[in-house]
Amino acid sequence: RVTRMIIQYPVREVEMEIGERTYVEMEYSLTLDSGEEVDRSSPDEPLGFIFGTGQIIPGLEKRLTGMVPGQSATIAVEPEEAYGAPKPELYQDIPRENFPGDLEIEAGMGFEAKGPHGPVTFRVRSADGEVVVADFNHPLAGERLTFELTVTEVREPNAEELARLQSANGCAPAACSSCSCECG
């Protein structure tokens, strides 16, 4: 007589790793080499993005590859993999008369101006007499960035997240075959 025995093993859920076209959420803080904290996610709202779509800086994205929910890391990103080195061609002389007369302008001050394609921001590099030298580089250009982070979620993106990505890239589902966002 043969007795059959069925053995059931618990199904272990495999955690999804960060990889192309995964939706990722992470809590983070961002500091400069000076120790200044320049950004952080709010405790109730982690940063969410679709991996591999250019939504975060390349150096951070590269180092997140393969991480899983619950994993923490300290990741330093050099300027060339973040916002690059400051470009001298993005310094522009602006006549002092273009600013309010009663405003005392100092190096480091930030402004927003209307450009031909919408608002642009700049920092004052120097203000001497009748000329203000504006710096249109990204504020973090030339900076090494250090992220303290914890991955909180990795999964397939849902339709709403894909639609937001398409909208941010200026494409619509009907146009996806001709755009570079690889949506849909």
C-alpha atoms as a PDB file:
ATOM      1  CA  ARG A   1       0.000   0.000   0.000  1.00  0.00           C
ATOM      2  CA  VAL A   2       1.356   3.469  -0.991  1.00  0.00           C
ATOM      3  CA  THR A   3       0.586   6.453   1.124  1.00  0.00           C
ATOM      4  CA  ARG A   4       0.788   9.852  -0.472  1.00  0.00           C
ATOM      5  CA  MET A   5       1.880  12.757   1.582  1.00  0.00           C
ATOM      6  CA  ILE A   6       1.549  16.316   0.419  1.00  0.00           C
ATOM      7  CA  ILE A   7       4.030  18.717   1.870  1.00  0.00           C
ATOM      8  CA  GLN A   8       3.316  22.376   1.535  1.00  0.00           C
ATOM      9  CA  TYR A   9       6.076  24.910   1.871  1.00  0.00           C
ATOM     10  CA  PRO A  10       5.275  28.474   2.737  1.00  0.00           C
ATOM     11  CA  VAL A  11       5.400  30.691  -0.306  1.00  0.00           C
ATOM     12  CA  ARG A  12       8.075  33.282   0.195  1.00  0.00           C
ATOM     13  CA  GLU A  13       7.248  36.558  -1.451  1.00  0.00           C
ATOM     14  CA  VAL A  14      10.199  37.774  -3.485  1.00  0.00           C
ATOM     15  CA  GLU A  15      10.915  41.439  -3.007  1.00  0.00           C
ATOM     16  CA  MET A  16      11.148  43.435  -6.182  1.00  0.00           C
ATOM     17  CA  GLU A  17      14.527  45.061  -6.815  1.00  0.00           C
ATOM     18  CA  ILE A  18      14.986  48.533  -8.236  1.00  0.00           C
ATOM     19  CA  GLY A  19      15.463  48.220 -11.981  1.00  0.00           C
ATOM     20  CA  GLU A  20      14.264  49.637 -15.297  1.00  0.00           C
ATOM     21  CA  ARG A  21      10.718  50.992 -15.231  1.00  0.00           C
ATOM     22  CA  THR A  22      10.040  50.155 -11.572  1.00  0.00           C
ATOM     23  CA  TYR A  23       8.225  52.631  -9.361  1.00  0.00           C
ATOM     24  CA  VAL A  24      10.405  53.557  -6.378  1.00  0.00           C
ATOM     25  CA  GLU A  25       9.668  55.448  -3.178  1.00  0.00           C
ATOM     26  CA  MET A  26      12.402  56.493  -0.791  1.00  0.00           C
ATOM     27  CA  GLU A  27      12.933  58.679   2.229  1.00  0.00           C
ATOM     28  CA  TYR A  28      16.093  60.749   1.985  1.00  0.00           C
ATOM     29  CA  SER A  29      18.121  63.684   3.169  1.00  0.00           C
ATOM     30  CA  LEU A  30      20.599  65.499   0.930  1.00  0.00           C
ATOM     31  CA  THR A  31      23.694  67.236   2.288  1.00  0.00           C
ATOM     32  CA  LEU A  32      26.685  69.020   0.789  1.00  0.00           C
ATOM     33  CA  ASP A  33      30.327  68.489   1.780  1.00  0.00           C
ATOM     34  CA  SER A  34      29.963  71.557   4.026  1.00  0.00           C
ATOM     35  CA  GLY A  35      27.431  69.574   6.081  1.00  0.00           C
ATOM     36  CA  GLU A  36      24.561  71.829   5.005  1.00  0.00           C
ATOM     37  CA  GLU A  37      21.329  69.903   4.488  1.00  0.00           C
ATOM     38  CA  VAL A  38      19.755  71.246   1.302  1.00  0.00           C
ATOM     39  CA  ASP A  39      16.796  68.894   0.860  1.00  0.00           C
ATOM     40  CA  ARG A  40      14.867  66.093   2.530  1.00  0.00           C
ATOM     41  CA  SER A  41      11.696  64.141   1.947  1.00  0.00           C
ATOM     42  CA  SER A  42       8.870  64.842   4.346  1.00  0.00           C
ATOM     43  CA  PRO A  43       8.173  62.006   6.815  1.00  0.00           C
ATOM     44  CA  ASP A  44       4.696  61.359   5.437  1.00  0.00           C
ATOM     45  CA  GLU A  45       5.601  61.769   1.761  1.00  0.00           C
ATOM     46  CA  PRO A  46       8.626  59.885   0.409  1.00  0.00           C
ATOM     47  CA  LEU A  47      10.079  60.797  -2.978  1.00  0.00           C
ATOM     48  CA  GLY A  48       8.402  58.690  -5.694  1.00  0.00           C
ATOM     49  CA  PHE A  49       9.662  58.220  -9.258  1.00  0.00           C
ATOM     50  CA  ILE A  50       9.817  55.740 -12.118  1.00  0.00           C
ATOM     51  CA  PHE A  51      13.346  54.385 -12.328  1.00  0.00           C
ATOM     52  CA  GLY A  52      15.204  54.722 -15.615  1.00  0.00           C
ATOM     53  CA  THR A  53      13.187  57.651 -16.956  1.00  0.00           C
ATOM     54  CA  GLY A  54      15.484  60.546 -16.063  1.00  0.00           C
ATOM     55  CA  GLN A  55      13.451  61.737 -13.082  1.00  0.00           C
ATOM     56  CA  ILE A  56      16.461  61.695 -10.728  1.00  0.00           C
ATOM     57  CA  ILE A  57      20.136  62.513 -11.242  1.00  0.00           C
ATOM     58  CA  PRO A  58      22.139  59.802 -13.063  1.00  0.00           C
ATOM     59  CA  GLY A  59      24.668  59.148 -10.280  1.00  0.00           C
ATOM     60  CA  LEU A  60      21.965  58.435  -7.716  1.00  0.00           C
ATOM     61  CA  GLU A  61      19.974  56.307 -10.121  1.00  0.00           C
ATOM     62  CA  LYS A  62      23.021  54.179 -10.956  1.00  0.00           C
ATOM     63  CA  ARG A  63      23.699  53.433  -7.290  1.00  0.00           C
ATOM     64  CA  LEU A  64      20.063  52.586  -6.489  1.00  0.00           C
ATOM     65  CA  THR A  65      20.014  49.709  -8.988  1.00  0.00           C
ATOM     66  CA  GLY A  66      19.227  46.405  -7.269  1.00  0.00           C
ATOM     67  CA  MET A  67      18.173  47.862  -3.917  1.00  0.00           C
ATOM     68  CA  VAL A  68      15.053  46.466  -2.212  1.00  0.00           C
ATOM     69  CA  PRO A  69      12.461  47.918   0.188  1.00  0.00           C
ATOM     70  CA  GLY A  70      13.860  48.462   3.668  1.00  0.00           C
ATOM     71  CA  GLN A  71      17.426  48.821   2.425  1.00  0.00           C
ATOM     72  CA  SER A  72      19.306  51.956   3.538  1.00  0.00           C
ATOM     73  CA  ALA A  73      22.447  53.523   2.121  1.00  0.00           C
ATOM     74  CA  THR A  74      24.679  56.561   2.143  1.00  0.00           C
ATOM     75  CA  ILE A  75      25.368  57.517  -1.468  1.00  0.00           C
ATOM     76  CA  ALA A  76      27.816  60.221  -2.529  1.00  0.00           C
ATOM     77  CA  VAL A  77      27.360  61.576  -6.049  1.00  0.00           C
ATOM     78  CA  GLU A  78      30.114  63.577  -7.735  1.00  0.00           C
ATOM     79  CA  PRO A  79      29.184  66.756  -9.663  1.00  0.00           C
ATOM     80  CA  GLU A  80      29.680  65.156 -13.091  1.00  0.00           C
ATOM     81  CA  GLU A  81      26.976  62.590 -12.247  1.00  0.00           C
ATOM     82  CA  ALA A  82      24.664  65.205 -10.732  1.00  0.00           C
ATOM     83  CA  TYR A  83      24.326  68.766 -12.039  1.00  0.00           C
ATOM     84  CA  GLY A  84      27.782  69.066 -13.580  1.00  0.00           C
ATOM     85  CA  ALA A  85      30.416  71.728 -13.115  1.00  0.00           C
ATOM     86  CA  PRO A  86      29.383  75.386 -13.281  1.00  0.00           C
ATOM     87  CA  LYS A  87      29.467  76.628 -16.887  1.00  0.00           C
ATOM     88  CA  PRO A  88      30.942  80.128 -17.319  1.00  0.00           C
ATOM     89  CA  GLU A  89      28.699  80.704 -20.344  1.00  0.00           C
ATOM     90  CA  LEU A  90      25.748  80.667 -17.934  1.00  0.00           C
ATOM     91  CA  TYR A  91      27.007  83.835 -16.212  1.00  0.00           C
ATOM     92  CA  GLN A  92      25.290  86.907 -17.628  1.00  0.00           C
ATOM     93  CA  ASP A  93      25.758  90.611 -17.020  1.00  0.00           C
ATOM     94  CA  ILE A  94      22.474  92.343 -16.219  1.00  0.00           C
ATOM     95  CA  PRO A  95      22.267  96.147 -15.922  1.00  0.00           C
ATOM     96  CA  ARG A  96      21.580  97.222 -12.329  1.00  0.00           C
ATOM     97  CA  GLU A  97      18.684  99.349 -13.618  1.00  0.00           C
ATOM     98  CA  ASN A  98      16.717  96.123 -14.306  1.00  0.00           C
ATOM     99  CA  PHE A  99      16.365  95.577 -10.535  1.00  0.00           C
ATOM    100  CA  PRO A 100      14.273  97.609  -8.083  1.00  0.00           C
ATOM    101  CA  GLY A 101      16.223 100.780  -7.196  1.00  0.00           C
ATOM    102  CA  ASP A 102      15.841 100.419  -3.440  1.00  0.00           C
ATOM    103  CA  LEU A 103      17.010  96.797  -3.351  1.00  0.00           C
ATOM    104  CA  GLU A 104      20.475  96.139  -1.943  1.00  0.00           C
ATOM    105  CA  ILE A 105      21.824  93.342  -4.141  1.00  0.00           C
ATOM    106  CA  GLU A 106      24.430  90.947  -2.732  1.00  0.00           C
ATOM    107  CA  ALA A 107      26.231  87.853  -3.999  1.00  0.00           C
ATOM    108  CA  GLY A 108      24.222  84.696  -3.351  1.00  0.00           C
ATOM    109  CA  MET A 109      20.786  86.317  -3.593  1.00  0.00           C
ATOM    110  CA  GLY A 110      18.273  84.379  -5.675  1.00  0.00           C
ATOM    111  CA  PHE A 111      15.814  85.810  -8.195  1.00  0.00           C
ATOM    112  CA  GLU A 112      13.180  84.616 -10.616  1.00  0.00           C
ATOM    113  CA  ALA A 113      12.813  86.357 -13.964  1.00  0.00           C
ATOM    114  CA  LYS A 114      10.602  85.954 -17.009  1.00  0.00           C
ATOM    115  CA  GLY A 115      12.451  84.290 -19.857  1.00  0.00           C
ATOM    116  CA  PRO A 116      11.309  83.610 -23.425  1.00  0.00           C
ATOM    117  CA  HIS A 117      10.189  80.104 -22.397  1.00  0.00           C
ATOM    118  CA  GLY A 118       8.741  80.931 -18.983  1.00  0.00           C
ATOM    119  CA  PRO A 119      10.199  81.691 -15.548  1.00  0.00           C
ATOM    120  CA  VAL A 120      13.932  81.209 -14.921  1.00  0.00           C
ATOM    121  CA  THR A 121      15.816  81.394 -11.663  1.00  0.00           C
ATOM    122  CA  PHE A 122      19.297  82.713 -11.051  1.00  0.00           C
ATOM    123  CA  ARG A 123      21.652  83.612  -8.262  1.00  0.00           C
ATOM    124  CA  VAL A 124      23.712  86.763  -8.039  1.00  0.00           C
ATOM    125  CA  ARG A 125      27.383  85.969  -8.551  1.00  0.00           C
ATOM    126  CA  SER A 126      28.489  89.562  -7.956  1.00  0.00           C
ATOM    127  CA  ALA A 127      27.003  93.068  -7.897  1.00  0.00           C
ATOM    128  CA  ASP A 128      29.416  95.875  -8.664  1.00  0.00           C
ATOM    129  CA  GLY A 129      28.190  99.356  -9.493  1.00  0.00           C
ATOM    130  CA  GLU A 130      25.998  99.269 -12.571  1.00  0.00           C
ATOM    131  CA  VAL A 131      26.308  95.548 -13.412  1.00  0.00           C
ATOM    132  CA  VAL A 132      24.899  92.495 -11.683  1.00  0.00           C
ATOM    133  CA  VAL A 133      26.490  89.198 -12.754  1.00  0.00           C
ATOM    134  CA  ALA A 134      23.737  86.572 -12.762  1.00  0.00           C
ATOM    135  CA  ASP A 135      24.537  82.853 -12.482  1.00  0.00           C
ATOM    136  CA  PHE A 136      22.017  80.699 -14.368  1.00  0.00           C
ATOM    137  CA  ASN A 137      23.728  77.407 -13.453  1.00  0.00           C
ATOM    138  CA  HIS A 138      21.763  74.927 -11.342  1.00  0.00           C
ATOM    139  CA  PRO A 139      22.245  75.931  -7.666  1.00  0.00           C
ATOM    140  CA  LEU A 140      23.907  72.553  -6.990  1.00  0.00           C
ATOM    141  CA  ALA A 141      26.257  72.657 -10.000  1.00  0.00           C
ATOM    142  CA  GLY A 142      29.791  71.824  -8.875  1.00  0.00           C
ATOM    143  CA  GLU A 143      28.620  70.266  -5.608  1.00  0.00           C
ATOM    144  CA  ARG A 144      29.215  66.715  -4.407  1.00  0.00           C
ATOM    145  CA  LEU A 145      25.871  65.464  -3.084  1.00  0.00           C
ATOM    146  CA  THR A 146      25.480  62.975  -0.244  1.00  0.00           C
ATOM    147  CA  PHE A 147      22.175  61.155   0.130  1.00  0.00           C
ATOM    148  CA  GLU A 148      21.168  59.305   3.297  1.00  0.00           C
ATOM    149  CA  LEU A 149      18.258  57.189   2.121  1.00  0.00           C
ATOM    150  CA  THR A 150      15.952  54.286   2.811  1.00  0.00           C
ATOM    151  CA  VAL A 151      14.023  52.581   0.031  1.00  0.00           C
ATOM    152  CA  THR A 152      10.424  52.238   1.200  1.00  0.00           C
ATOM    153  CA  GLU A 153       8.708  50.752  -1.865  1.00  0.00           C
ATOM    154  CA  VAL A 154       9.567  49.083  -5.195  1.00  0.00           C
ATOM    155  CA  ARG A 155       6.810  47.886  -7.546  1.00  0.00           C
ATOM    156  CA  GLU A 156       5.420  48.148 -11.047  1.00  0.00           C
ATOM    157  CA  PRO A 157       4.166  51.671 -11.841  1.00  0.00           C
ATOM    158  CA  ASN A 158       0.402  52.096 -12.041  1.00  0.00           C
ATOM    159  CA  ALA A 159      -1.517  53.821 -14.844  1.00  0.00           C
ATOM    160  CA  GLU A 160      -1.711  57.152 -12.970  1.00  0.00           C
ATOM    161  CA  GLU A 161       2.065  57.246 -12.405  1.00  0.00           C
ATOM    162  CA  LEU A 162       2.718  56.437 -16.057  1.00  0.00           C
ATOM    163  CA  ALA A 163       0.279  59.181 -17.103  1.00  0.00           C
ATOM    164  CA  ARG A 164       2.110  61.721 -14.889  1.00  0.00           C
ATOM    165  CA  LEU A 165       5.393  60.675 -16.499  1.00  0.00           C
ATOM    166  CA  GLN A 166       3.898  61.129 -19.966  1.00  0.00           C
ATOM    167  CA  SER A 167       2.514  64.538 -19.018  1.00  0.00           C
ATOM    168  CA  ALA A 168       5.859  65.664 -17.580  1.00  0.00           C
ATOM    169  CA  ASN A 169       7.590  64.611 -20.794  1.00  0.00           C
ATOM    170  CA  GLY A 170       5.051  66.503 -22.881  1.00  0.00           C
ATOM    171  CA  CYS A 171       3.661  63.483 -24.646  1.00  0.00           C
ATOM    172  CA  ALA A 172       0.318  61.800 -24.791  1.00  0.00           C
ATOM    173  CA  PRO A 173      -0.456  58.076 -25.152  1.00  0.00           C
ATOM    174  CA  ALA A 174      -1.389  58.522 -28.809  1.00  0.00           C
ATOM    175  CA  ALA A 175       2.010  60.078 -29.490  1.00  0.00           C
ATOM    176  CA  CYS A 176       4.106  57.573 -27.544  1.00  0.00           C
ATOM    177  CA  SER A 177       5.328  55.812 -30.641  1.00  0.00           C
ATOM    178  CA  SER A 178       7.081  58.985 -31.735  1.00  0.00           C
ATOM    179  CA  CYS A 179       8.455  60.346 -28.451  1.00  0.00           C
ATOM    180  CA  SER A 180      11.449  59.307 -26.403  1.00  0.00           C
ATOM    181  CA  CYS A 181       9.678  58.724 -23.094  1.00  0.00           C
ATOM    182  CA  GLU A 182       8.922  55.061 -23.756  1.00  0.00           C
ATOM    183  CA  CYS A 183       5.588  55.456 -22.031  1.00  0.00           C
ATOM    184  CA  GLY A 184       2.622  53.191 -22.121  1.00  0.00           C
END
